[in-house]
């Protein structure tokens, strides 16, 4: 019993696994989605302001650039995992990588749907 009355039981989601998993998974997933949206924005700007040659060059280099930036984001996540204070703040290391992988699958699915819909 506490000063304010009987002690309340903790909710199940307050366990030591769920919150770090949710935080790490969200960082990985949202990071991948932001990378994709920034690349789409860059492609749109290149098409609008780059003329016919700039738009074509941006469209041809979109997928290789997306892969490169996603791998750069993975490298940043691996650095976060390697430094213990950052890893503690970011959540579970395996959740970061799972979020990155899930975000990559989601982005790939969106690209595949757009590709099939435009054919």
C-alpha atoms as a PDB file:
ATOM      1  CA  UNK A   1       0.000   0.000   0.000  1.00  0.00           C
ATOM      2  CA  UNK A   2       1.299   3.447  -0.880  1.00  0.00           C
ATOM      3  CA  UNK A   3       0.486   6.870   0.531  1.00  0.00           C
ATOM      4  CA  UNK A   4      -2.094   7.440  -2.223  1.00  0.00           C
ATOM      5  CA  UNK A   5      -3.829   4.099  -1.767  1.00  0.00           C
ATOM      6  CA  UNK A   6      -3.200   0.587  -2.986  1.00  0.00           C
ATOM      7  CA  UNK A   7      -0.513   0.132  -5.579  1.00  0.00           C
ATOM      8  CA  UNK A   8      -1.883  -0.304  -9.095  1.00  0.00           C
ATOM      9  CA  UNK A   9      -0.583  -3.196 -11.141  1.00  0.00           C
ATOM     10  CA  UNK A  10       1.552  -2.198 -14.112  1.00  0.00           C
ATOM     11  CA  UNK A  11       0.023  -2.416 -17.533  1.00  0.00           C
ATOM     12  CA  UNK A  12       1.364  -5.169 -19.735  1.00  0.00           C
ATOM     13  CA  UNK A  13       2.806  -2.753 -22.298  1.00  0.00           C
ATOM     14  CA  UNK A  14       5.065  -1.241 -19.648  1.00  0.00           C
ATOM     15  CA  UNK A  15       7.280  -4.314 -19.660  1.00  0.00           C
ATOM     16  CA  UNK A  16      10.939  -4.049 -20.492  1.00  0.00           C
ATOM     17  CA  UNK A  17      10.601  -5.449 -24.033  1.00  0.00           C
ATOM     18  CA  UNK A  18       7.610  -3.728 -25.645  1.00  0.00           C
ATOM     19  CA  UNK A  19       8.601  -0.071 -25.278  1.00  0.00           C
ATOM     20  CA  UNK A  20      12.200  -0.428 -26.599  1.00  0.00           C
ATOM     21  CA  UNK A  21      10.895  -2.595 -29.437  1.00  0.00           C
ATOM     22  CA  UNK A  22       8.251  -0.053 -30.389  1.00  0.00           C
ATOM     23  CA  UNK A  23      10.753   2.801 -30.275  1.00  0.00           C
ATOM     24  CA  UNK A  24      13.427   1.008 -32.305  1.00  0.00           C
ATOM     25  CA  UNK A  25      10.980  -0.403 -34.845  1.00  0.00           C
ATOM     26  CA  UNK A  26       9.421   3.030 -35.334  1.00  0.00           C
ATOM     27  CA  UNK A  27      12.806   4.662 -35.889  1.00  0.00           C
ATOM     28  CA  UNK A  28      13.760   2.112 -38.557  1.00  0.00           C
ATOM     29  CA  UNK A  29      10.386   2.136 -40.304  1.00  0.00           C
ATOM     30  CA  UNK A  30       9.809   5.890 -40.257  1.00  0.00           C
ATOM     31  CA  UNK A  31      13.408   6.484 -41.369  1.00  0.00           C
ATOM     32  CA  UNK A  32      12.944   4.318 -44.450  1.00  0.00           C
ATOM     33  CA  UNK A  33       9.660   6.011 -45.312  1.00  0.00           C
ATOM     34  CA  UNK A  34      11.239   9.464 -44.904  1.00  0.00           C
ATOM     35  CA  UNK A  35      14.132   8.476 -47.172  1.00  0.00           C
ATOM     36  CA  UNK A  36      11.617   7.372 -49.813  1.00  0.00           C
ATOM     37  CA  UNK A  37       9.542  10.547 -49.517  1.00  0.00           C
ATOM     38  CA  UNK A  38      12.626  12.775 -49.725  1.00  0.00           C
ATOM     39  CA  UNK A  39      13.790  10.922 -52.824  1.00  0.00           C
ATOM     40  CA  UNK A  40      10.334  11.291 -54.413  1.00  0.00           C
ATOM     41  CA  UNK A  41      10.437  15.023 -53.599  1.00  0.00           C
ATOM     42  CA  UNK A  42      13.869  15.337 -55.196  1.00  0.00           C
ATOM     43  CA  UNK A  43      12.654  13.503 -58.281  1.00  0.00           C
ATOM     44  CA  UNK A  44       9.628  15.806 -58.523  1.00  0.00           C
ATOM     45  CA  UNK A  45      11.807  18.915 -58.232  1.00  0.00           C
ATOM     46  CA  UNK A  46      14.251  17.601 -60.821  1.00  0.00           C
ATOM     47  CA  UNK A  47      11.413  16.974 -63.253  1.00  0.00           C
ATOM     48  CA  UNK A  48       9.841  20.398 -62.629  1.00  0.00           C
ATOM     49  CA  UNK A  49      12.983  22.525 -62.726  1.00  0.00           C
ATOM     50  CA  UNK A  50      15.558  20.399 -64.534  1.00  0.00           C
ATOM     51  CA  UNK A  51      14.070  20.486 -67.978  1.00  0.00           C
ATOM     52  CA  UNK A  52      13.663  17.387 -70.104  1.00  0.00           C
ATOM     53  CA  UNK A  53      17.245  16.216 -69.600  1.00  0.00           C
ATOM     54  CA  UNK A  54      17.221  16.766 -65.848  1.00  0.00           C
ATOM     55  CA  UNK A  55      13.965  14.895 -65.355  1.00  0.00           C
ATOM     56  CA  UNK A  56      15.176  11.937 -67.419  1.00  0.00           C
ATOM     57  CA  UNK A  57      18.497  11.782 -65.579  1.00  0.00           C
ATOM     58  CA  UNK A  58      16.752  11.956 -62.215  1.00  0.00           C
ATOM     59  CA  UNK A  59      14.284   9.227 -63.181  1.00  0.00           C
ATOM     60  CA  UNK A  60      17.049   6.910 -64.392  1.00  0.00           C
ATOM     61  CA  UNK A  61      19.121   7.390 -61.253  1.00  0.00           C
ATOM     62  CA  UNK A  62      16.191   7.200 -58.809  1.00  0.00           C
ATOM     63  CA  UNK A  63      16.419   3.516 -57.849  1.00  0.00           C
ATOM     64  CA  UNK A  64      20.231   3.393 -57.513  1.00  0.00           C
ATOM     65  CA  UNK A  65      20.139   6.587 -55.448  1.00  0.00           C
ATOM     66  CA  UNK A  66      17.319   5.204 -53.281  1.00  0.00           C
ATOM     67  CA  UNK A  67      19.326   2.041 -52.616  1.00  0.00           C
ATOM     68  CA  UNK A  68      22.434   4.074 -51.806  1.00  0.00           C
ATOM     69  CA  UNK A  69      20.617   6.390 -49.386  1.00  0.00           C
ATOM     70  CA  UNK A  70      18.876   3.419 -47.733  1.00  0.00           C
ATOM     71  CA  UNK A  71      22.235   1.719 -47.217  1.00  0.00           C
ATOM     72  CA  UNK A  72      23.591   4.970 -45.786  1.00  0.00           C
ATOM     73  CA  UNK A  73      20.654   4.997 -43.348  1.00  0.00           C
ATOM     74  CA  UNK A  74      21.504   1.388 -42.437  1.00  0.00           C
ATOM     75  CA  UNK A  75      25.095   2.450 -41.759  1.00  0.00           C
ATOM     76  CA  UNK A  76      23.824   5.206 -39.451  1.00  0.00           C
ATOM     77  CA  UNK A  77      21.660   2.654 -37.628  1.00  0.00           C
ATOM     78  CA  UNK A  78      24.662   0.326 -37.241  1.00  0.00           C
ATOM     79  CA  UNK A  79      26.673   3.192 -35.758  1.00  0.00           C
ATOM     80  CA  UNK A  80      23.819   3.905 -33.348  1.00  0.00           C
ATOM     81  CA  UNK A  81      23.794   0.216 -32.396  1.00  0.00           C
ATOM     82  CA  UNK A  82      27.566   0.217 -31.827  1.00  0.00           C
ATOM     83  CA  UNK A  83      27.516   3.132 -29.358  1.00  0.00           C
ATOM     84  CA  UNK A  84      25.910   1.972 -26.067  1.00  0.00           C
ATOM     85  CA  UNK A  85      24.350   5.303 -24.929  1.00  0.00           C
ATOM     86  CA  UNK A  86      22.764   5.843 -28.342  1.00  0.00           C
ATOM     87  CA  UNK A  87      21.628   2.229 -28.499  1.00  0.00           C
ATOM     88  CA  UNK A  88      19.938   2.585 -25.118  1.00  0.00           C
ATOM     89  CA  UNK A  89      18.043   5.705 -26.237  1.00  0.00           C
ATOM     90  CA  UNK A  90      17.084   4.245 -29.623  1.00  0.00           C
ATOM     91  CA  UNK A  91      15.566   1.054 -28.259  1.00  0.00           C
ATOM     92  CA  UNK A  92      16.265  -2.568 -29.027  1.00  0.00           C
ATOM     93  CA  UNK A  93      18.976  -3.047 -31.658  1.00  0.00           C
ATOM     94  CA  UNK A  94      17.111  -5.879 -33.347  1.00  0.00           C
ATOM     95  CA  UNK A  95      13.987  -3.718 -33.559  1.00  0.00           C
ATOM     96  CA  UNK A  96      15.958  -0.984 -35.353  1.00  0.00           C
ATOM     97  CA  UNK A  97      17.125  -3.478 -37.959  1.00  0.00           C
ATOM     98  CA  UNK A  98      13.697  -5.094 -38.232  1.00  0.00           C
ATOM     99  CA  UNK A  99      12.118  -1.669 -38.732  1.00  0.00           C
ATOM    100  CA  UNK A 100      14.689  -0.850 -41.420  1.00  0.00           C
ATOM    101  CA  UNK A 101      13.978  -4.142 -43.174  1.00  0.00           C
ATOM    102  CA  UNK A 102      10.201  -3.733 -42.904  1.00  0.00           C
ATOM    103  CA  UNK A 103      10.429  -0.165 -44.215  1.00  0.00           C
ATOM    104  CA  UNK A 104      12.523  -1.382 -47.142  1.00  0.00           C
ATOM    105  CA  UNK A 105       9.926  -4.049 -47.936  1.00  0.00           C
ATOM    106  CA  UNK A 106       7.130  -1.482 -47.693  1.00  0.00           C
ATOM    107  CA  UNK A 107       8.925   0.957 -50.012  1.00  0.00           C
ATOM    108  CA  UNK A 108       9.686  -1.857 -52.467  1.00  0.00           C
ATOM    109  CA  UNK A 109       6.014  -2.854 -52.418  1.00  0.00           C
ATOM    110  CA  UNK A 110       4.905   0.704 -53.143  1.00  0.00           C
ATOM    111  CA  UNK A 111       7.360   0.939 -56.044  1.00  0.00           C
ATOM    112  CA  UNK A 112       6.135  -2.417 -57.409  1.00  0.00           C
ATOM    113  CA  UNK A 113       2.470  -1.337 -57.193  1.00  0.00           C
ATOM    114  CA  UNK A 114       3.241   1.931 -58.979  1.00  0.00           C
ATOM    115  CA  UNK A 115       5.248   0.069 -61.618  1.00  0.00           C
ATOM    116  CA  UNK A 116       2.459  -2.448 -62.293  1.00  0.00           C
ATOM    117  CA  UNK A 117      -0.245   0.248 -62.252  1.00  0.00           C
ATOM    118  CA  UNK A 118       1.535   2.339 -64.888  1.00  0.00           C
ATOM    119  CA  UNK A 119       2.120  -0.529 -67.322  1.00  0.00           C
END
